[in-house]
């Protein structure tokens, strides 16, 4: 599932492209136009894992002073995702700036 980088609306497939029904943004399926495009993949099964960040571009994320449980570094980047139903709190993710260990905090 991909979202429009202009208005954050879910893109709809249209032939070889994906199109935003709200603002008309158009992109090739699987292609990047240089803008940040959010991709979400459905994860199912008992031993499934969730990849929360598609790339390692941590410089755009806010930092926080928190101790990494792996290497005891005290700086991490953080972001929030709605991983459960809409009536429940968001999940806050942290990634250590030193060892790239990622962990989560359920709010």
PDB file of N, CA and C in Angstrom:
ATOM      1  N   UNK A   1       0.848  -1.157   0.000  1.00  0.00           N
ATOM      2  CA  UNK A   1       0.000   0.000   0.000  1.00  0.00           C
ATOM      3  C   UNK A   1       0.902   1.231   0.000  1.00  0.00           C
ATOM      4  N   UNK A   2       0.628   2.188  -0.876  1.00  0.00           N
ATOM      5  CA  UNK A   2       1.428   3.412  -0.961  1.00  0.00           C
ATOM      6  C   UNK A   2       0.538   4.614  -0.721  1.00  0.00           C
ATOM      7  N   UNK A   3       1.143   5.679  -0.202  1.00  0.00           N
ATOM      8  CA  UNK A   3       0.419   6.898   0.100  1.00  0.00           C
ATOM      9  C   UNK A   3       1.027   8.054  -0.684  1.00  0.00           C
ATOM     10  N   UNK A   4       0.187   8.998  -1.065  1.00  0.00           N
ATOM     11  CA  UNK A   4       0.598  10.165  -1.838  1.00  0.00           C
ATOM     12  C   UNK A   4       1.539  11.045  -1.018  1.00  0.00           C
ATOM     13  N   UNK A   5       2.690  11.445  -1.587  1.00  0.00           N
ATOM     14  CA  UNK A   5       3.609  12.319  -0.858  1.00  0.00           C
ATOM     15  C   UNK A   5       3.078  13.754  -0.747  1.00  0.00           C
ATOM     16  N   UNK A   6       2.080  14.109  -1.547  1.00  0.00           N
ATOM     17  CA  UNK A   6       1.525  15.462  -1.521  1.00  0.00           C
ATOM     18  C   UNK A   6       0.439  15.615  -0.456  1.00  0.00           C
ATOM     19  N   UNK A   7      -0.534  14.687  -0.426  1.00  0.00           N
ATOM     20  CA  UNK A   7      -1.694  14.861   0.458  1.00  0.00           C
ATOM     21  C   UNK A   7      -1.937  13.673   1.399  1.00  0.00           C
ATOM     22  N   UNK A   8      -1.071  12.654   1.364  1.00  0.00           N
ATOM     23  CA  UNK A   8      -1.140  11.482   2.253  1.00  0.00           C
ATOM     24  C   UNK A   8      -2.377  10.611   2.032  1.00  0.00           C
ATOM     25  N   UNK A   9      -3.015  10.712   0.872  1.00  0.00           N
ATOM     26  CA  UNK A   9      -4.152   9.858   0.531  1.00  0.00           C
ATOM     27  C   UNK A   9      -3.621   8.555  -0.059  1.00  0.00           C
ATOM     28  N   UNK A  10      -4.333   7.448   0.180  1.00  0.00           N
ATOM     29  CA  UNK A  10      -3.901   6.159  -0.356  1.00  0.00           C
ATOM     30  C   UNK A  10      -3.970   6.160  -1.876  1.00  0.00           C
ATOM     31  N   UNK A  11      -2.865   5.746  -2.517  1.00  0.00           N
ATOM     32  CA  UNK A  11      -2.809   5.703  -3.973  1.00  0.00           C
ATOM     33  C   UNK A  11      -3.552   4.484  -4.493  1.00  0.00           C
ATOM     34  N   UNK A  12      -4.240   4.663  -5.617  1.00  0.00           N
ATOM     35  CA  UNK A  12      -5.011   3.591  -6.250  1.00  0.00           C
ATOM     36  C   UNK A  12      -4.289   3.125  -7.503  1.00  0.00           C
ATOM     37  N   UNK A  13      -4.268   1.804  -7.781  1.00  0.00           N
ATOM     38  CA  UNK A  13      -3.627   1.311  -9.002  1.00  0.00           C
ATOM     39  C   UNK A  13      -4.417   1.718 -10.238  1.00  0.00           C
ATOM     40  N   UNK A  14      -3.680   2.062 -11.289  1.00  0.00           N
ATOM     41  CA  UNK A  14      -4.295   2.436 -12.559  1.00  0.00           C
ATOM     42  C   UNK A  14      -3.340   2.016 -13.678  1.00  0.00           C
ATOM     43  N   UNK A  15      -3.523   0.816 -14.191  1.00  0.00           N
ATOM     44  CA  UNK A  15      -2.622   0.290 -15.221  1.00  0.00           C
ATOM     45  C   UNK A  15      -1.244   0.041 -14.645  1.00  0.00           C
ATOM     46  N   UNK A  16      -0.211   0.659 -15.261  1.00  0.00           N
ATOM     47  CA  UNK A  16       1.168   0.526 -14.781  1.00  0.00           C
ATOM     48  C   UNK A  16       1.527   1.602 -13.757  1.00  0.00           C
ATOM     49  N   UNK A  17       0.569   2.447 -13.399  1.00  0.00           N
ATOM     50  CA  UNK A  17       0.808   3.551 -12.481  1.00  0.00           C
ATOM     51  C   UNK A  17      -0.021   3.386 -11.210  1.00  0.00           C
ATOM     52  N   UNK A  18       0.284   4.249 -10.245  1.00  0.00           N
ATOM     53  CA  UNK A  18      -0.577   4.441  -9.081  1.00  0.00           C
ATOM     54  C   UNK A  18      -0.961   5.914  -9.084  1.00  0.00           C
ATOM     55  N   UNK A  19      -2.236   6.201  -8.780  1.00  0.00           N
ATOM     56  CA  UNK A  19      -2.763   7.548  -8.899  1.00  0.00           C
ATOM     57  C   UNK A  19      -3.454   7.952  -7.603  1.00  0.00           C
ATOM     58  N   UNK A  20      -3.273   9.207  -7.216  1.00  0.00           N
ATOM     59  CA  UNK A  20      -3.967   9.753  -6.055  1.00  0.00           C
ATOM     60  C   UNK A  20      -5.336  10.241  -6.500  1.00  0.00           C
ATOM     61  N   UNK A  21      -6.416   9.705  -5.917  1.00  0.00           N
ATOM     62  CA  UNK A  21      -7.749  10.141  -6.321  1.00  0.00           C
ATOM     63  C   UNK A  21      -8.083  11.555  -5.837  1.00  0.00           C
ATOM     64  N   UNK A  22      -7.323  12.075  -4.879  1.00  0.00           N
ATOM     65  CA  UNK A  22      -7.618  13.395  -4.322  1.00  0.00           C
ATOM     66  C   UNK A  22      -6.919  14.521  -5.084  1.00  0.00           C
ATOM     67  N   UNK A  23      -5.582  14.419  -5.264  1.00  0.00           N
ATOM     68  CA  UNK A  23      -4.839  15.525  -5.891  1.00  0.00           C
ATOM     69  C   UNK A  23      -4.330  15.199  -7.293  1.00  0.00           C
ATOM     70  N   UNK A  24      -4.457  13.939  -7.738  1.00  0.00           N
ATOM     71  CA  UNK A  24      -4.044  13.573  -9.084  1.00  0.00           C
ATOM     72  C   UNK A  24      -2.582  13.173  -9.221  1.00  0.00           C
ATOM     73  N   UNK A  25      -1.831  13.089  -8.123  1.00  0.00           N
ATOM     74  CA  UNK A  25      -0.432  12.657  -8.172  1.00  0.00           C
ATOM     75  C   UNK A  25      -0.363  11.301  -8.864  1.00  0.00           C
ATOM     76  N   UNK A  26       0.642  11.115  -9.714  1.00  0.00           N
ATOM     77  CA  UNK A  26       0.785   9.862 -10.469  1.00  0.00           C
ATOM     78  C   UNK A  26       2.233   9.397 -10.376  1.00  0.00           C
ATOM     79  N   UNK A  27       2.432   8.090 -10.196  1.00  0.00           N
ATOM     80  CA  UNK A  27       3.765   7.506 -10.152  1.00  0.00           C
ATOM     81  C   UNK A  27       3.704   6.107 -10.731  1.00  0.00           C
ATOM     82  N   UNK A  28       4.837   5.645 -11.221  1.00  0.00           N
ATOM     83  CA  UNK A  28       4.917   4.273 -11.720  1.00  0.00           C
ATOM     84  C   UNK A  28       4.878   3.311 -10.538  1.00  0.00           C
ATOM     85  N   UNK A  29       4.291   2.156 -10.733  1.00  0.00           N
ATOM     86  CA  UNK A  29       4.276   1.144  -9.677  1.00  0.00           C
ATOM     87  C   UNK A  29       5.704   0.737  -9.373  1.00  0.00           C
ATOM     88  N   UNK A  30       6.097   0.804  -8.107  1.00  0.00           N
ATOM     89  CA  UNK A  30       7.425   0.396  -7.682  1.00  0.00           C
ATOM     90  C   UNK A  30       8.513   1.410  -7.959  1.00  0.00           C
ATOM     91  N   UNK A  31       8.204   2.523  -8.627  1.00  0.00           N
ATOM     92  CA  UNK A  31       9.219   3.532  -8.934  1.00  0.00           C
ATOM     93  C   UNK A  31       9.195   4.631  -7.887  1.00  0.00           C
ATOM     94  N   UNK A  32      10.334   5.281  -7.710  1.00  0.00           N
ATOM     95  CA  UNK A  32      10.438   6.402  -6.792  1.00  0.00           C
ATOM     96  C   UNK A  32      10.655   7.669  -7.593  1.00  0.00           C
ATOM     97  N   UNK A  33       9.933   8.732  -7.230  1.00  0.00           N
ATOM     98  CA  UNK A  33      10.071  10.002  -7.928  1.00  0.00           C
ATOM     99  C   UNK A  33      10.999  10.962  -7.203  1.00  0.00           C
ATOM    100  N   UNK A  34      11.738  10.473  -6.218  1.00  0.00           N
ATOM    101  CA  UNK A  34      12.637  11.323  -5.459  1.00  0.00           C
ATOM    102  C   UNK A  34      11.985  11.911  -4.232  1.00  0.00           C
ATOM    103  N   UNK A  35      10.658  11.859  -4.158  1.00  0.00           N
ATOM    104  CA  UNK A  35       9.951  12.344  -2.980  1.00  0.00           C
ATOM    105  C   UNK A  35       9.751  11.181  -2.024  1.00  0.00           C
ATOM    106  N   UNK A  36       9.508  11.496  -0.795  1.00  0.00           N
ATOM    107  CA  UNK A  36       9.294  10.456   0.203  1.00  0.00           C
ATOM    108  C   UNK A  36       7.929   9.820  -0.001  1.00  0.00           C
ATOM    109  N   UNK A  37       7.895   8.546  -0.281  1.00  0.00           N
ATOM    110  CA  UNK A  37       6.649   7.810  -0.448  1.00  0.00           C
ATOM    111  C   UNK A  37       6.586   6.758   0.637  1.00  0.00           C
ATOM    112  N   UNK A  38       5.515   6.778   1.390  1.00  0.00           N
ATOM    113  CA  UNK A  38       5.355   5.838   2.482  1.00  0.00           C
ATOM    114  C   UNK A  38       4.788   4.531   1.949  1.00  0.00           C
ATOM    115  N   UNK A  39       5.423   3.422   2.274  1.00  0.00           N
ATOM    116  CA  UNK A  39       4.928   2.116   1.874  1.00  0.00           C
ATOM    117  C   UNK A  39       4.641   1.292   3.109  1.00  0.00           C
ATOM    118  N   UNK A  40       3.475   0.655   3.134  1.00  0.00           N
ATOM    119  CA  UNK A  40       3.077  -0.190   4.240  1.00  0.00           C
ATOM    120  C   UNK A  40       2.778  -1.568   3.670  1.00  0.00           C
ATOM    121  N   UNK A  41       3.348  -2.589   4.270  1.00  0.00           N
ATOM    122  CA  UNK A  41       3.110  -3.951   3.810  1.00  0.00           C
ATOM    123  C   UNK A  41       2.341  -4.703   4.878  1.00  0.00           C
ATOM    124  N   UNK A  42       1.342  -5.476   4.447  1.00  0.00           N
ATOM    125  CA  UNK A  42       0.562  -6.251   5.398  1.00  0.00           C
ATOM    126  C   UNK A  42       1.381  -7.453   5.857  1.00  0.00           C
ATOM    127  N   UNK A  43       1.374  -7.692   7.145  1.00  0.00           N
ATOM    128  CA  UNK A  43       2.139  -8.779   7.735  1.00  0.00           C
ATOM    129  C   UNK A  43       1.160  -9.747   8.380  1.00  0.00           C
ATOM    130  N   UNK A  44       1.253 -11.016   8.023  1.00  0.00           N
ATOM    131  CA  UNK A  44       0.369 -12.011   8.600  1.00  0.00           C
ATOM    132  C   UNK A  44       1.187 -13.213   9.033  1.00  0.00           C
ATOM    133  N   UNK A  45       0.597 -14.051   9.849  1.00  0.00           N
ATOM    134  CA  UNK A  45       1.267 -15.268  10.279  1.00  0.00           C
ATOM    135  C   UNK A  45       1.892 -15.132  11.642  1.00  0.00           C
ATOM    136  N   UNK A  46       2.183 -16.233  12.238  1.00  0.00           N
ATOM    137  CA  UNK A  46       2.718 -16.258  13.596  1.00  0.00           C
ATOM    138  C   UNK A  46       4.133 -15.746  13.717  1.00  0.00           C
ATOM    139  N   UNK A  47       4.983 -16.093  12.781  1.00  0.00           N
ATOM    140  CA  UNK A  47       6.384 -15.708  12.854  1.00  0.00           C
ATOM    141  C   UNK A  47       6.715 -14.544  11.933  1.00  0.00           C
ATOM    142  N   UNK A  48       5.699 -13.758  11.589  1.00  0.00           N
ATOM    143  CA  UNK A  48       5.908 -12.626  10.688  1.00  0.00           C
ATOM    144  C   UNK A  48       6.625 -11.494  11.416  1.00  0.00           C
ATOM    145  N   UNK A  49       7.376 -10.724  10.663  1.00  0.00           N
ATOM    146  CA  UNK A  49       8.048  -9.564  11.241  1.00  0.00           C
ATOM    147  C   UNK A  49       7.572  -8.316  10.523  1.00  0.00           C
ATOM    148  N   UNK A  50       7.693  -7.195  11.179  1.00  0.00           N
ATOM    149  CA  UNK A  50       7.230  -5.932  10.632  1.00  0.00           C
ATOM    150  C   UNK A  50       8.425  -5.024  10.391  1.00  0.00           C
ATOM    151  N   UNK A  51       8.619  -4.613   9.143  1.00  0.00           N
ATOM    152  CA  UNK A  51       9.689  -3.682   8.821  1.00  0.00           C
ATOM    153  C   UNK A  51       9.091  -2.283   8.908  1.00  0.00           C
ATOM    154  N   UNK A  52       9.510  -1.534   9.924  1.00  0.00           N
ATOM    155  CA  UNK A  52       8.870  -0.255  10.186  1.00  0.00           C
ATOM    156  C   UNK A  52       9.485   0.900   9.417  1.00  0.00           C
ATOM    157  N   UNK A  53      10.723   0.768   8.956  1.00  0.00           N
ATOM    158  CA  UNK A  53      11.340   1.798   8.126  1.00  0.00           C
ATOM    159  C   UNK A  53      11.959   1.129   6.913  1.00  0.00           C
ATOM    160  N   UNK A  54      11.641   1.657   5.737  1.00  0.00           N
ATOM    161  CA  UNK A  54      12.116   1.039   4.505  1.00  0.00           C
ATOM    162  C   UNK A  54      13.573   1.375   4.206  1.00  0.00           C
ATOM    163  N   UNK A  55      14.056   2.504   4.702  1.00  0.00           N
ATOM    164  CA  UNK A  55      15.443   2.889   4.443  1.00  0.00           C
ATOM    165  C   UNK A  55      16.095   3.357   5.735  1.00  0.00           C
ATOM    166  N   UNK A  56      17.361   3.697   5.649  1.00  0.00           N
ATOM    167  CA  UNK A  56      18.103   4.103   6.842  1.00  0.00           C
ATOM    168  C   UNK A  56      18.321   5.614   6.891  1.00  0.00           C
ATOM    169  N   UNK A  57      17.386   6.399   6.387  1.00  0.00           N
ATOM    170  CA  UNK A  57      17.506   7.855   6.403  1.00  0.00           C
ATOM    171  C   UNK A  57      17.041   8.383   7.752  1.00  0.00           C
ATOM    172  N   UNK A  58      17.909   8.289   8.745  1.00  0.00           N
ATOM    173  CA  UNK A  58      17.557   8.681  10.097  1.00  0.00           C
ATOM    174  C   UNK A  58      17.727  10.172  10.329  1.00  0.00           C
ATOM    175  N   UNK A  59      18.394  10.898   9.443  1.00  0.00           N
ATOM    176  CA  UNK A  59      18.674  12.303   9.692  1.00  0.00           C
ATOM    177  C   UNK A  59      17.411  13.157   9.693  1.00  0.00           C
ATOM    178  N   UNK A  60      16.315  12.707   9.103  1.00  0.00           N
ATOM    179  CA  UNK A  60      15.084  13.480   9.060  1.00  0.00           C
ATOM    180  C   UNK A  60      14.183  13.224  10.264  1.00  0.00           C
ATOM    181  N   UNK A  61      14.541  12.272  11.110  1.00  0.00           N
ATOM    182  CA  UNK A  61      13.715  11.921  12.255  1.00  0.00           C
ATOM    183  C   UNK A  61      14.161  12.674  13.502  1.00  0.00           C
ATOM    184  N   UNK A  62      13.227  12.970  14.410  1.00  0.00           N
ATOM    185  CA  UNK A  62      13.614  13.644  15.653  1.00  0.00           C
ATOM    186  C   UNK A  62      14.406  12.709  16.560  1.00  0.00           C
ATOM    187  N   UNK A  63      15.269  13.297  17.384  1.00  0.00           N
ATOM    188  CA  UNK A  63      16.057  12.492  18.316  1.00  0.00           C
ATOM    189  C   UNK A  63      15.533  12.678  19.734  1.00  0.00           C
ATOM    190  N   UNK A  64      15.860  11.715  20.581  1.00  0.00           N
ATOM    191  CA  UNK A  64      15.441  11.718  21.974  1.00  0.00           C
ATOM    192  C   UNK A  64      16.579  11.131  22.813  1.00  0.00           C
ATOM    193  N   UNK A  65      16.660  11.572  24.052  1.00  0.00           N
ATOM    194  CA  UNK A  65      17.638  11.001  24.972  1.00  0.00           C
ATOM    195  C   UNK A  65      16.980   9.825  25.682  1.00  0.00           C
ATOM    196  N   UNK A  66      17.403   8.643  25.308  1.00  0.00           N
ATOM    197  CA  UNK A  66      16.871   7.398  25.881  1.00  0.00           C
ATOM    198  C   UNK A  66      17.971   6.345  25.769  1.00  0.00           C
ATOM    199  N   UNK A  67      18.048   5.478  26.730  1.00  0.00           N
ATOM    200  CA  UNK A  67      19.129   4.486  26.748  1.00  0.00           C
ATOM    201  C   UNK A  67      18.779   3.282  25.879  1.00  0.00           C
ATOM    202  N   UNK A  68      19.692   2.929  24.983  1.00  0.00           N
ATOM    203  CA  UNK A  68      19.528   1.755  24.125  1.00  0.00           C
ATOM    204  C   UNK A  68      19.700   0.500  24.972  1.00  0.00           C
ATOM    205  N   UNK A  69      18.793  -0.453  24.884  1.00  0.00           N
ATOM    206  CA  UNK A  69      18.924  -1.670  25.677  1.00  0.00           C
ATOM    207  C   UNK A  69      20.063  -2.587  25.199  1.00  0.00           C
ATOM    208  N   UNK A  70      20.596  -2.358  24.017  1.00  0.00           N
ATOM    209  CA  UNK A  70      21.651  -3.199  23.476  1.00  0.00           C
ATOM    210  C   UNK A  70      23.048  -2.668  23.762  1.00  0.00           C
ATOM    211  N   UNK A  71      23.277  -1.381  23.458  1.00  0.00           N
ATOM    212  CA  UNK A  71      24.651  -0.862  23.556  1.00  0.00           C
ATOM    213  C   UNK A  71      24.812   0.253  24.591  1.00  0.00           C
ATOM    214  N   UNK A  72      23.763   0.609  25.308  1.00  0.00           N
ATOM    215  CA  UNK A  72      23.773   1.655  26.340  1.00  0.00           C
ATOM    216  C   UNK A  72      24.059   3.053  25.801  1.00  0.00           C
ATOM    217  N   UNK A  73      23.957   3.268  24.489  1.00  0.00           N
ATOM    218  CA  UNK A  73      24.039   4.611  23.922  1.00  0.00           C
ATOM    219  C   UNK A  73      22.818   5.393  24.419  1.00  0.00           C
ATOM    220  N   UNK A  74      22.919   6.711  24.554  1.00  0.00           N
ATOM    221  CA  UNK A  74      21.798   7.460  25.122  1.00  0.00           C
ATOM    222  C   UNK A  74      21.081   8.356  24.113  1.00  0.00           C
ATOM    223  N   UNK A  75      21.255   8.120  22.809  1.00  0.00           N
ATOM    224  CA  UNK A  75      20.558   8.906  21.789  1.00  0.00           C
ATOM    225  C   UNK A  75      19.906   7.963  20.786  1.00  0.00           C
ATOM    226  N   UNK A  76      18.651   8.266  20.454  1.00  0.00           N
ATOM    227  CA  UNK A  76      17.921   7.467  19.478  1.00  0.00           C
ATOM    228  C   UNK A  76      17.001   8.379  18.672  1.00  0.00           C
ATOM    229  N   UNK A  77      16.675   7.954  17.459  1.00  0.00           N
ATOM    230  CA  UNK A  77      15.632   8.626  16.692  1.00  0.00           C
ATOM    231  C   UNK A  77      14.320   7.928  17.012  1.00  0.00           C
ATOM    232  N   UNK A  78      13.191   8.624  16.811  1.00  0.00           N
ATOM    233  CA  UNK A  78      11.908   8.021  17.143  1.00  0.00           C
ATOM    234  C   UNK A  78      10.855   8.408  16.118  1.00  0.00           C
ATOM    235  N   UNK A  79       9.828   7.570  16.006  1.00  0.00           N
ATOM    236  CA  UNK A  79       8.662   7.828  15.154  1.00  0.00           C
ATOM    237  C   UNK A  79       7.497   7.056  15.727  1.00  0.00           C
ATOM    238  N   UNK A  80       6.295   7.407  15.300  1.00  0.00           N
ATOM    239  CA  UNK A  80       5.090   6.759  15.823  1.00  0.00           C
ATOM    240  C   UNK A  80       4.274   6.184  14.664  1.00  0.00           C
ATOM    241  N   UNK A  81       3.663   5.009  14.911  1.00  0.00           N
ATOM    242  CA  UNK A  81       2.795   4.361  13.930  1.00  0.00           C
ATOM    243  C   UNK A  81       1.545   3.845  14.625  1.00  0.00           C
ATOM    244  N   UNK A  82       0.458   3.827  13.897  1.00  0.00           N
ATOM    245  CA  UNK A  82      -0.776   3.219  14.389  1.00  0.00           C
ATOM    246  C   UNK A  82      -0.716   1.747  13.999  1.00  0.00           C
ATOM    247  N   UNK A  83      -0.270   0.883  14.914  1.00  0.00           N
ATOM    248  CA  UNK A  83      -0.084  -0.532  14.594  1.00  0.00           C
ATOM    249  C   UNK A  83      -1.272  -1.386  15.005  1.00  0.00           C
ATOM    250  N   UNK A  84      -2.134  -0.842  15.841  1.00  0.00           N
ATOM    251  CA  UNK A  84      -3.324  -1.576  16.280  1.00  0.00           C
ATOM    252  C   UNK A  84      -4.559  -0.855  15.767  1.00  0.00           C
ATOM    253  N   UNK A  85      -5.717  -1.165  16.288  1.00  0.00           N
ATOM    254  CA  UNK A  85      -6.938  -0.535  15.808  1.00  0.00           C
ATOM    255  C   UNK A  85      -6.945   0.960  16.139  1.00  0.00           C
ATOM    256  N   UNK A  86      -7.787   1.699  15.438  1.00  0.00           N
ATOM    257  CA  UNK A  86      -7.780   3.162  15.549  1.00  0.00           C
ATOM    258  C   UNK A  86      -8.194   3.668  16.930  1.00  0.00           C
ATOM    259  N   UNK A  87      -8.923   2.870  17.691  1.00  0.00           N
ATOM    260  CA  UNK A  87      -9.351   3.333  19.011  1.00  0.00           C
ATOM    261  C   UNK A  87      -8.311   3.057  20.097  1.00  0.00           C
ATOM    262  N   UNK A  88      -7.157   2.530  19.724  1.00  0.00           N
ATOM    263  CA  UNK A  88      -6.083   2.285  20.687  1.00  0.00           C
ATOM    264  C   UNK A  88      -4.911   3.230  20.411  1.00  0.00           C
ATOM    265  N   UNK A  89      -4.062   3.391  21.390  1.00  0.00           N
ATOM    266  CA  UNK A  89      -2.946   4.330  21.283  1.00  0.00           C
ATOM    267  C   UNK A  89      -1.939   3.907  20.207  1.00  0.00           C
ATOM    268  N   UNK A  90      -1.178   4.878  19.732  1.00  0.00           N
ATOM    269  CA  UNK A  90      -0.140   4.593  18.742  1.00  0.00           C
ATOM    270  C   UNK A  90       1.055   3.916  19.413  1.00  0.00           C
ATOM    271  N   UNK A  91       1.901   3.319  18.594  1.00  0.00           N
ATOM    272  CA  UNK A  91       3.114   2.677  19.082  1.00  0.00           C
ATOM    273  C   UNK A  91       4.296   3.563  18.723  1.00  0.00           C
ATOM    274  N   UNK A  92       5.137   3.849  19.700  1.00  0.00           N
ATOM    275  CA  UNK A  92       6.317   4.673  19.469  1.00  0.00           C
ATOM    276  C   UNK A  92       7.518   3.757  19.267  1.00  0.00           C
ATOM    277  N   UNK A  93       8.248   3.983  18.165  1.00  0.00           N
ATOM    278  CA  UNK A  93       9.433   3.203  17.839  1.00  0.00           C
ATOM    279  C   UNK A  93      10.675   4.038  18.079  1.00  0.00           C
ATOM    280  N   UNK A  94      11.746   3.384  18.524  1.00  0.00           N
ATOM    281  CA  UNK A  94      13.031   4.031  18.741  1.00  0.00           C
ATOM    282  C   UNK A  94      14.092   3.257  17.963  1.00  0.00           C
ATOM    283  N   UNK A  95      15.081   3.975  17.411  1.00  0.00           N
ATOM    284  CA  UNK A  95      16.220   3.329  16.760  1.00  0.00           C
ATOM    285  C   UNK A  95      17.486   4.015  17.258  1.00  0.00           C
ATOM    286  N   UNK A  96      18.386   3.214  17.813  1.00  0.00           N
ATOM    287  CA  UNK A  96      19.643   3.714  18.356  1.00  0.00           C
ATOM    288  C   UNK A  96      20.484   4.342  17.244  1.00  0.00           C
ATOM    289  N   UNK A  97      21.068   5.502  17.528  1.00  0.00           N
ATOM    290  CA  UNK A  97      21.896   6.175  16.529  1.00  0.00           C
ATOM    291  C   UNK A  97      23.285   5.547  16.408  1.00  0.00           C
ATOM    292  N   UNK A  98      23.635   4.695  17.354  1.00  0.00           N
ATOM    293  CA  UNK A  98      24.960   4.054  17.325  1.00  0.00           C
ATOM    294  C   UNK A  98      24.912   2.660  16.698  1.00  0.00           C
ATOM    295  N   UNK A  99      24.030   1.783  17.208  1.00  0.00           N
ATOM    296  CA  UNK A  99      24.029   0.375  16.749  1.00  0.00           C
ATOM    297  C   UNK A  99      22.828   0.022  15.867  1.00  0.00           C
ATOM    298  N   UNK A 100      21.915   0.964  15.637  1.00  0.00           N
ATOM    299  CA  UNK A 100      20.705   0.771  14.824  1.00  0.00           C
ATOM    300  C   UNK A 100      19.725  -0.239  15.393  1.00  0.00           C
ATOM    301  N   UNK A 101      19.843  -0.588  16.668  1.00  0.00           N
ATOM    302  CA  UNK A 101      18.867  -1.468  17.319  1.00  0.00           C
ATOM    303  C   UNK A 101      17.529  -0.733  17.374  1.00  0.00           C
ATOM    304  N   UNK A 102      16.442  -1.417  16.997  1.00  0.00           N
ATOM    305  CA  UNK A 102      15.109  -0.808  17.009  1.00  0.00           C
ATOM    306  C   UNK A 102      14.252  -1.500  18.046  1.00  0.00           C
ATOM    307  N   UNK A 103      13.559  -0.705  18.854  1.00  0.00           N
ATOM    308  CA  UNK A 103      12.632  -1.237  19.847  1.00  0.00           C
ATOM    309  C   UNK A 103      11.409  -0.349  19.891  1.00  0.00           C
ATOM    310  N   UNK A 104      10.358  -0.798  20.572  1.00  0.00           N
ATOM    311  CA  UNK A 104       9.118  -0.044  20.593  1.00  0.00           C
ATOM    312  C   UNK A 104       8.612   0.168  22.002  1.00  0.00           C
ATOM    313  N   UNK A 105       7.765   1.186  22.116  1.00  0.00           N
ATOM    314  CA  UNK A 105       7.097   1.510  23.361  1.00  0.00           C
ATOM    315  C   UNK A 105       5.611   1.626  23.080  1.00  0.00           C
ATOM    316  N   UNK A 106       4.794   0.822  23.719  1.00  0.00           N
ATOM    317  CA  UNK A 106       3.361   0.899  23.550  1.00  0.00           C
ATOM    318  C   UNK A 106       2.814   1.976  24.467  1.00  0.00           C
ATOM    319  N   UNK A 107       2.287   3.049  23.903  1.00  0.00           N
ATOM    320  CA  UNK A 107       1.775   4.161  24.710  1.00  0.00           C
ATOM    321  C   UNK A 107       0.511   3.790  25.444  1.00  0.00           C
TER     322      UNK A 107
END
